[in-house]
Amino acid sequence: MNDAARIAAVFALLAGVTACTTVNVSTVPAAGYPITELCIERNPDVVIEDFLPVVEQAVARHGIATRVLDAPLPADCAYTLWYTARRRWDIRPRLGYAEFRVRFHGETIGTASYLSEPSLSPFKWRSTETLIAPVVDKLFAQFSQ
């Protein structure tokens, strides 16, 4: 095998090992939206046991109190958070997708998504907190931490 072939093989291996994760965030603007309490709409379809507690803790780090409620949310919830998350099977279950929408009286003011594609990376099995807390931190980046 010549040097060029070895280099190409190394790059191919590295491409297969690296995590294929995409995070998209449209940060909630603090200006004009003084969020002190956020009503989180519980999603019973999310079966990742620690997902909601991780989200609550991440939001709380930004000085925002949370209330977790079942739909329909009461009228006194000016700021709401809708979320979904799905597992992906890759030898064992792991977090594959998550999406968040922050709304003010029904109008979306911030969004975030996390997508992890199949890969050979060992990092794909990190904890829910390690994967999702940074996404929530970016979503509420304009609020104190």
N, C-alpha and C. Protein backbone atom coordinates (compact mmCIF):
# COMPACT_ATOMS: atom_id res chain seq x y z
N MET A 1 0.86 -1.18 0.00
CA MET A 1 0.00 0.00 0.00
C MET A 1 0.90 1.24 0.00
N ASN A 2 0.63 2.17 -0.92
CA ASN A 2 1.47 3.38 -0.98
C ASN A 2 0.98 4.40 0.06
N ASP A 3 1.76 5.48 0.21
CA ASP A 3 1.45 6.51 1.21
C ASP A 3 0.09 7.15 0.97
N ALA A 4 -0.23 7.43 -0.28
CA ALA A 4 -1.53 8.06 -0.59
C ALA A 4 -2.68 7.15 -0.18
N ALA A 5 -2.55 5.87 -0.42
CA ALA A 5 -3.60 4.92 -0.05
C ALA A 5 -3.73 4.82 1.47
N ARG A 6 -2.61 4.85 2.18
CA ARG A 6 -2.65 4.81 3.65
C ARG A 6 -3.34 6.05 4.21
N ILE A 7 -3.00 7.20 3.66
CA ILE A 7 -3.62 8.45 4.12
C ILE A 7 -5.12 8.43 3.84
N ALA A 8 -5.50 7.97 2.68
CA ALA A 8 -6.92 7.87 2.34
C ALA A 8 -7.64 6.92 3.29
N ALA A 9 -7.00 5.80 3.63
CA ALA A 9 -7.60 4.82 4.55
C ALA A 9 -7.78 5.42 5.94
N VAL A 10 -6.79 6.18 6.40
CA VAL A 10 -6.89 6.83 7.71
C VAL A 10 -8.04 7.83 7.73
N PHE A 11 -8.16 8.65 6.69
CA PHE A 11 -9.24 9.62 6.63
C PHE A 11 -10.60 8.93 6.57
N ALA A 12 -10.70 7.83 5.85
CA ALA A 12 -11.96 7.08 5.77
C ALA A 12 -12.32 6.51 7.13
N LEU A 13 -11.35 6.00 7.86
CA LEU A 13 -11.58 5.47 9.19
C LEU A 13 -12.04 6.58 10.14
N LEU A 14 -11.35 7.71 10.10
CA LEU A 14 -11.73 8.83 10.96
C LEU A 14 -13.12 9.34 10.65
N ALA A 15 -13.49 9.38 9.39
CA ALA A 15 -14.83 9.82 9.00
C ALA A 15 -15.89 8.88 9.55
N GLY A 16 -15.60 7.59 9.60
CA GLY A 16 -16.56 6.62 10.12
C GLY A 16 -16.65 6.62 11.63
N VAL A 17 -15.58 7.03 12.31
CA VAL A 17 -15.54 7.01 13.77
C VAL A 17 -16.13 8.28 14.37
N THR A 18 -16.01 9.39 13.70
CA THR A 18 -16.48 10.65 14.26
C THR A 18 -18.00 10.65 14.35
N ALA A 19 -18.50 11.30 15.34
CA ALA A 19 -19.95 11.38 15.55
C ALA A 19 -20.57 12.27 14.48
N CYS A 20 -21.67 11.82 13.96
CA CYS A 20 -22.42 12.61 12.98
C CYS A 20 -23.61 13.23 13.70
N THR A 21 -23.36 14.32 14.38
CA THR A 21 -24.39 14.98 15.18
C THR A 21 -24.62 16.38 14.63
N THR A 22 -25.90 16.72 14.52
CA THR A 22 -26.29 18.05 14.05
C THR A 22 -27.12 18.72 15.13
N VAL A 23 -26.75 19.94 15.49
CA VAL A 23 -27.51 20.73 16.45
C VAL A 23 -27.85 22.05 15.77
N ASN A 24 -29.13 22.38 15.75
CA ASN A 24 -29.59 23.66 15.20
C ASN A 24 -30.36 24.39 16.29
N VAL A 25 -30.00 25.65 16.52
CA VAL A 25 -30.65 26.42 17.58
C VAL A 25 -30.98 27.82 17.10
N SER A 26 -32.19 28.23 17.35
CA SER A 26 -32.62 29.62 17.20
C SER A 26 -32.88 30.10 18.62
N THR A 27 -31.91 30.83 19.17
CA THR A 27 -31.92 31.23 20.58
C THR A 27 -33.14 32.08 20.93
N VAL A 28 -33.69 31.84 22.12
CA VAL A 28 -34.80 32.66 22.62
C VAL A 28 -34.23 34.04 22.96
N PRO A 29 -34.77 35.10 22.36
CA PRO A 29 -34.25 36.44 22.66
C PRO A 29 -34.70 36.91 24.05
N ALA A 30 -33.76 37.32 24.88
CA ALA A 30 -34.11 37.82 26.20
C ALA A 30 -34.78 39.19 26.11
N ALA A 31 -34.36 39.99 25.13
CA ALA A 31 -34.96 41.32 24.94
C ALA A 31 -36.41 41.15 24.50
N GLY A 32 -37.31 41.69 25.28
CA GLY A 32 -38.73 41.62 24.95
C GLY A 32 -39.43 40.39 25.50
N TYR A 33 -38.68 39.44 26.03
CA TYR A 33 -39.26 38.22 26.58
C TYR A 33 -38.65 37.93 27.95
N PRO A 34 -39.10 38.62 28.98
CA PRO A 34 -38.54 38.42 30.33
C PRO A 34 -39.09 37.15 30.99
N ILE A 35 -38.59 36.02 30.58
CA ILE A 35 -39.11 34.74 31.06
C ILE A 35 -38.63 34.49 32.50
N THR A 36 -39.59 34.36 33.41
CA THR A 36 -39.26 33.98 34.78
C THR A 36 -39.82 32.59 35.10
N GLU A 37 -40.87 32.21 34.35
CA GLU A 37 -41.45 30.87 34.52
C GLU A 37 -41.79 30.30 33.15
N LEU A 38 -41.49 29.02 32.99
CA LEU A 38 -41.74 28.32 31.74
C LEU A 38 -42.58 27.09 32.03
N CYS A 39 -43.72 26.99 31.35
CA CYS A 39 -44.57 25.81 31.49
C CYS A 39 -44.11 24.79 30.45
N ILE A 40 -43.74 23.63 30.92
CA ILE A 40 -43.28 22.56 30.04
C ILE A 40 -44.44 21.59 29.82
N GLU A 41 -44.78 21.40 28.56
CA GLU A 41 -45.86 20.48 28.22
C GLU A 41 -45.32 19.06 28.19
N ARG A 42 -45.73 18.26 29.17
CA ARG A 42 -45.24 16.88 29.27
C ARG A 42 -45.60 16.11 28.00
N ASN A 43 -44.64 15.40 27.45
CA ASN A 43 -44.87 14.58 26.27
C ASN A 43 -44.81 13.11 26.70
N PRO A 44 -45.98 12.46 26.83
CA PRO A 44 -45.98 11.07 27.30
C PRO A 44 -45.36 10.09 26.30
N ASP A 45 -45.14 10.52 25.06
CA ASP A 45 -44.53 9.65 24.06
C ASP A 45 -43.01 9.55 24.20
N VAL A 46 -42.41 10.43 24.98
CA VAL A 46 -40.96 10.39 25.20
C VAL A 46 -40.68 9.37 26.29
N VAL A 47 -39.98 8.30 25.93
CA VAL A 47 -39.74 7.21 26.87
C VAL A 47 -38.33 7.22 27.46
N ILE A 48 -37.58 8.25 27.20
CA ILE A 48 -36.24 8.39 27.77
C ILE A 48 -36.43 8.92 29.18
N GLU A 49 -36.21 8.05 30.17
CA GLU A 49 -36.59 8.33 31.54
C GLU A 49 -36.04 9.63 32.12
N ASP A 50 -34.79 9.94 31.85
CA ASP A 50 -34.19 11.13 32.46
C ASP A 50 -34.28 12.38 31.59
N PHE A 51 -34.95 12.30 30.46
CA PHE A 51 -34.98 13.42 29.52
C PHE A 51 -35.60 14.68 30.14
N LEU A 52 -36.81 14.56 30.69
CA LEU A 52 -37.49 15.73 31.25
C LEU A 52 -36.75 16.32 32.45
N PRO A 53 -36.27 15.52 33.40
CA PRO A 53 -35.47 16.11 34.49
C PRO A 53 -34.23 16.85 33.99
N VAL A 54 -33.57 16.32 32.96
CA VAL A 54 -32.40 17.00 32.41
C VAL A 54 -32.79 18.35 31.82
N VAL A 55 -33.90 18.39 31.10
CA VAL A 55 -34.38 19.65 30.52
C VAL A 55 -34.73 20.65 31.62
N GLU A 56 -35.45 20.19 32.65
CA GLU A 56 -35.81 21.09 33.76
C GLU A 56 -34.58 21.68 34.43
N GLN A 57 -33.58 20.86 34.70
CA GLN A 57 -32.35 21.34 35.35
C GLN A 57 -31.61 22.33 34.46
N ALA A 58 -31.57 22.07 33.17
CA ALA A 58 -30.87 22.97 32.24
C ALA A 58 -31.57 24.32 32.17
N VAL A 59 -32.89 24.32 32.13
CA VAL A 59 -33.65 25.58 32.11
C VAL A 59 -33.44 26.34 33.41
N ALA A 60 -33.47 25.63 34.54
CA ALA A 60 -33.30 26.26 35.85
C ALA A 60 -31.95 26.96 35.98
N ARG A 61 -30.91 26.42 35.34
CA ARG A 61 -29.59 27.06 35.38
C ARG A 61 -29.61 28.47 34.78
N HIS A 62 -30.62 28.76 33.99
CA HIS A 62 -30.74 30.08 33.37
C HIS A 62 -31.67 31.00 34.15
N GLY A 63 -31.97 30.63 35.39
CA GLY A 63 -32.79 31.47 36.26
C GLY A 63 -34.27 31.44 35.92
N ILE A 64 -34.72 30.39 35.27
CA ILE A 64 -36.12 30.27 34.86
C ILE A 64 -36.76 29.11 35.61
N ALA A 65 -37.84 29.40 36.32
CA ALA A 65 -38.58 28.36 37.03
C ALA A 65 -39.41 27.57 36.02
N THR A 66 -39.66 26.31 36.33
CA THR A 66 -40.45 25.48 35.41
C THR A 66 -41.64 24.85 36.14
N ARG A 67 -42.68 24.62 35.35
CA ARG A 67 -43.83 23.84 35.79
C ARG A 67 -44.08 22.81 34.70
N VAL A 68 -44.14 21.55 35.05
CA VAL A 68 -44.43 20.50 34.08
C VAL A 68 -45.90 20.17 34.18
N LEU A 69 -46.58 20.29 33.05
CA LEU A 69 -48.04 20.11 33.02
C LEU A 69 -48.44 19.24 31.84
N ASP A 70 -49.57 18.59 31.97
CA ASP A 70 -50.14 17.84 30.86
C ASP A 70 -50.96 18.78 29.99
N ALA A 71 -51.05 18.46 28.71
CA ALA A 71 -51.86 19.26 27.77
C ALA A 71 -53.34 19.02 28.08
N PRO A 72 -54.16 20.02 27.86
CA PRO A 72 -53.84 21.37 27.40
C PRO A 72 -53.31 22.22 28.55
N LEU A 73 -52.39 23.09 28.20
CA LEU A 73 -51.79 23.96 29.20
C LEU A 73 -52.78 25.06 29.61
N PRO A 74 -52.74 25.46 30.89
CA PRO A 74 -53.67 26.51 31.35
C PRO A 74 -53.34 27.87 30.73
N ALA A 75 -54.31 28.74 30.74
CA ALA A 75 -54.16 30.07 30.13
C ALA A 75 -53.10 30.93 30.82
N ASP A 76 -52.80 30.65 32.09
CA ASP A 76 -51.81 31.47 32.79
C ASP A 76 -50.37 31.12 32.41
N CYS A 77 -50.19 30.18 31.48
CA CYS A 77 -48.85 29.83 30.99
C CYS A 77 -48.53 30.70 29.76
N ALA A 78 -47.89 31.82 30.01
CA ALA A 78 -47.54 32.71 28.89
C ALA A 78 -46.40 32.12 28.07
N TYR A 79 -45.41 31.57 28.75
CA TYR A 79 -44.25 30.97 28.08
C TYR A 79 -44.34 29.46 28.22
N THR A 80 -44.25 28.77 27.10
CA THR A 80 -44.37 27.32 27.11
C THR A 80 -43.22 26.67 26.36
N LEU A 81 -42.95 25.44 26.74
CA LEU A 81 -41.93 24.64 26.06
C LEU A 81 -42.57 23.33 25.63
N TRP A 82 -42.54 23.10 24.33
CA TRP A 82 -42.96 21.82 23.75
C TRP A 82 -41.69 21.08 23.38
N TYR A 83 -41.66 19.77 23.58
CA TYR A 83 -40.48 18.99 23.24
C TYR A 83 -40.90 17.61 22.74
N THR A 84 -39.98 17.00 22.03
CA THR A 84 -40.10 15.60 21.67
C THR A 84 -38.70 15.02 21.64
N ALA A 85 -38.61 13.72 21.80
CA ALA A 85 -37.31 13.03 21.73
C ALA A 85 -37.56 11.58 21.35
N ARG A 86 -36.62 11.05 20.60
CA ARG A 86 -36.73 9.65 20.17
C ARG A 86 -35.40 8.95 20.38
N ARG A 87 -35.52 7.67 20.67
CA ARG A 87 -34.33 6.84 20.77
C ARG A 87 -34.02 6.24 19.41
N ARG A 88 -32.78 5.87 19.26
CA ARG A 88 -32.31 5.19 18.06
C ARG A 88 -31.62 3.91 18.56
N TRP A 89 -31.84 2.84 17.84
CA TRP A 89 -31.17 1.58 18.19
C TRP A 89 -29.86 1.49 17.42
N ASP A 90 -28.80 1.31 18.18
CA ASP A 90 -27.47 1.20 17.60
C ASP A 90 -26.67 0.30 18.54
N ILE A 91 -26.87 -0.97 18.45
CA ILE A 91 -26.39 -2.00 19.36
C ILE A 91 -27.21 -1.99 20.65
N ARG A 92 -27.46 -0.81 21.16
CA ARG A 92 -28.34 -0.61 22.32
C ARG A 92 -29.05 0.73 22.11
N PRO A 93 -30.12 0.98 22.85
CA PRO A 93 -30.83 2.24 22.63
C PRO A 93 -30.00 3.45 23.07
N ARG A 94 -30.16 4.53 22.32
CA ARG A 94 -29.47 5.78 22.65
C ARG A 94 -30.32 6.93 22.12
N LEU A 95 -30.03 8.13 22.57
CA LEU A 95 -30.76 9.30 22.10
C LEU A 95 -30.40 9.57 20.65
N GLY A 96 -31.40 9.64 19.80
CA GLY A 96 -31.15 9.89 18.38
C GLY A 96 -31.66 11.23 17.90
N TYR A 97 -32.74 11.73 18.55
CA TYR A 97 -33.35 12.97 18.06
C TYR A 97 -34.06 13.67 19.21
N ALA A 98 -33.97 14.98 19.23
CA ALA A 98 -34.73 15.80 20.19
C ALA A 98 -35.05 17.13 19.52
N GLU A 99 -36.19 17.67 19.88
CA GLU A 99 -36.61 18.96 19.33
C GLU A 99 -37.32 19.75 20.43
N PHE A 100 -37.10 21.06 20.43
CA PHE A 100 -37.71 21.96 21.42
C PHE A 100 -38.31 23.16 20.70
N ARG A 101 -39.45 23.64 21.22
CA ARG A 101 -40.06 24.88 20.74
C ARG A 101 -40.51 25.69 21.95
N VAL A 102 -39.99 26.90 22.06
CA VAL A 102 -40.39 27.82 23.12
C VAL A 102 -41.38 28.80 22.50
N ARG A 103 -42.51 28.97 23.18
CA ARG A 103 -43.57 29.85 22.65
C ARG A 103 -43.97 30.89 23.69
N PHE A 104 -44.38 32.05 23.18
CA PHE A 104 -44.96 33.11 24.00
C PHE A 104 -46.38 33.32 23.48
N HIS A 105 -47.35 32.97 24.31
CA HIS A 105 -48.77 33.03 23.91
C HIS A 105 -48.99 32.36 22.56
N GLY A 106 -48.38 31.21 22.36
CA GLY A 106 -48.58 30.42 21.15
C GLY A 106 -47.64 30.75 19.99
N GLU A 107 -46.94 31.88 20.06
CA GLU A 107 -46.01 32.27 18.99
C GLU A 107 -44.62 31.71 19.30
N THR A 108 -44.03 31.00 18.36
CA THR A 108 -42.71 30.42 18.56
C THR A 108 -41.65 31.52 18.61
N ILE A 109 -40.86 31.51 19.69
CA ILE A 109 -39.81 32.53 19.86
C ILE A 109 -38.41 31.91 19.92
N GLY A 110 -38.35 30.59 19.91
CA GLY A 110 -37.05 29.91 19.92
C GLY A 110 -37.23 28.43 19.63
N THR A 111 -36.25 27.85 18.92
CA THR A 111 -36.31 26.43 18.60
C THR A 111 -34.93 25.82 18.72
N ALA A 112 -34.90 24.52 18.92
CA ALA A 112 -33.64 23.80 18.95
C ALA A 112 -33.90 22.36 18.53
N SER A 113 -32.91 21.78 17.87
CA SER A 113 -33.01 20.36 17.51
C SER A 113 -31.65 19.70 17.64
N TYR A 114 -31.69 18.42 17.93
CA TYR A 114 -30.50 17.59 18.08
C TYR A 114 -30.75 16.33 17.25
N LEU A 115 -29.82 15.98 16.39
CA LEU A 115 -29.94 14.79 15.56
C LEU A 115 -28.61 14.07 15.56
N SER A 116 -28.64 12.81 15.93
CA SER A 116 -27.43 11.98 15.93
C SER A 116 -27.63 10.84 14.95
N GLU A 117 -26.84 10.86 13.90
CA GLU A 117 -26.91 9.83 12.87
C GLU A 117 -26.09 8.62 13.29
N PRO A 118 -26.34 7.47 12.69
CA PRO A 118 -25.52 6.29 13.00
C PRO A 118 -24.04 6.57 12.69
N SER A 119 -23.19 6.11 13.57
CA SER A 119 -21.75 6.28 13.38
C SER A 119 -21.02 5.24 14.21
N LEU A 120 -19.73 5.21 14.09
CA LEU A 120 -18.91 4.31 14.89
C LEU A 120 -18.36 4.99 16.15
N SER A 121 -18.74 6.22 16.35
CA SER A 121 -18.22 6.99 17.48
C SER A 121 -18.69 6.41 18.82
N PRO A 122 -17.79 6.27 19.78
CA PRO A 122 -18.20 5.82 21.11
C PRO A 122 -18.92 6.92 21.89
N PHE A 123 -18.86 8.15 21.42
CA PHE A 123 -19.48 9.27 22.12
C PHE A 123 -21.00 9.28 21.98
N LYS A 124 -21.54 8.52 21.07
CA LYS A 124 -22.99 8.51 20.84
C LYS A 124 -23.75 7.95 22.03
N TRP A 125 -23.07 7.24 22.93
CA TRP A 125 -23.74 6.68 24.10
C TRP A 125 -23.53 7.53 25.35
N ARG A 126 -23.18 8.77 25.18
CA ARG A 126 -23.04 9.65 26.34
C ARG A 126 -24.40 9.81 27.02
N SER A 127 -24.38 10.35 28.22
CA SER A 127 -25.61 10.52 28.99
C SER A 127 -26.53 11.54 28.35
N THR A 128 -27.80 11.45 28.69
CA THR A 128 -28.78 12.41 28.20
C THR A 128 -28.35 13.82 28.58
N GLU A 129 -27.87 13.99 29.80
CA GLU A 129 -27.43 15.32 30.26
C GLU A 129 -26.29 15.85 29.40
N THR A 130 -25.32 15.02 29.10
CA THR A 130 -24.17 15.44 28.30
C THR A 130 -24.59 15.84 26.89
N LEU A 131 -25.59 15.17 26.34
CA LEU A 131 -26.03 15.45 24.98
C LEU A 131 -27.02 16.60 24.89
N ILE A 132 -27.95 16.70 25.83
CA ILE A 132 -29.07 17.64 25.72
C ILE A 132 -28.86 18.95 26.47
N ALA A 133 -28.20 18.92 27.62
CA ALA A 133 -28.01 20.16 28.38
C ALA A 133 -27.35 21.26 27.55
N PRO A 134 -26.32 20.97 26.75
CA PRO A 134 -25.73 22.04 25.93
C PRO A 134 -26.71 22.62 24.90
N VAL A 135 -27.63 21.79 24.41
CA VAL A 135 -28.62 22.27 23.44
C VAL A 135 -29.58 23.25 24.14
N VAL A 136 -30.03 22.90 25.33
CA VAL A 136 -30.92 23.78 26.10
C VAL A 136 -30.17 25.04 26.50
N ASP A 137 -28.89 24.90 26.84
CA ASP A 137 -28.08 26.08 27.19
C ASP A 137 -28.00 27.05 26.01
N LYS A 138 -27.85 26.54 24.81
CA LYS A 138 -27.83 27.41 23.62
C LYS A 138 -29.19 28.04 23.37
N LEU A 139 -30.25 27.29 23.65
CA LEU A 139 -31.60 27.80 23.44
C LEU A 139 -31.87 29.00 24.35
N PHE A 140 -31.37 28.95 25.59
CA PHE A 140 -31.58 30.03 26.55
C PHE A 140 -30.28 30.81 26.83
N ALA A 141 -29.41 30.89 25.85
CA ALA A 141 -28.08 31.51 26.02
C ALA A 141 -28.15 32.97 26.43
N GLN A 142 -29.21 33.68 26.10
CA GLN A 142 -29.30 35.10 26.44
C GLN A 142 -29.80 35.34 27.86
N PHE A 143 -30.10 34.27 28.57
CA PHE A 143 -30.55 34.38 29.96
C PHE A 143 -29.39 33.98 30.86
N SER A 144 -29.33 34.57 32.06
CA SER A 144 -28.21 34.34 32.96
C SER A 144 -28.00 32.85 33.23
N GLN A 145 -26.76 32.51 33.47
CA GLN A 145 -26.44 31.12 33.78
C GLN A 145 -25.55 31.06 34.98
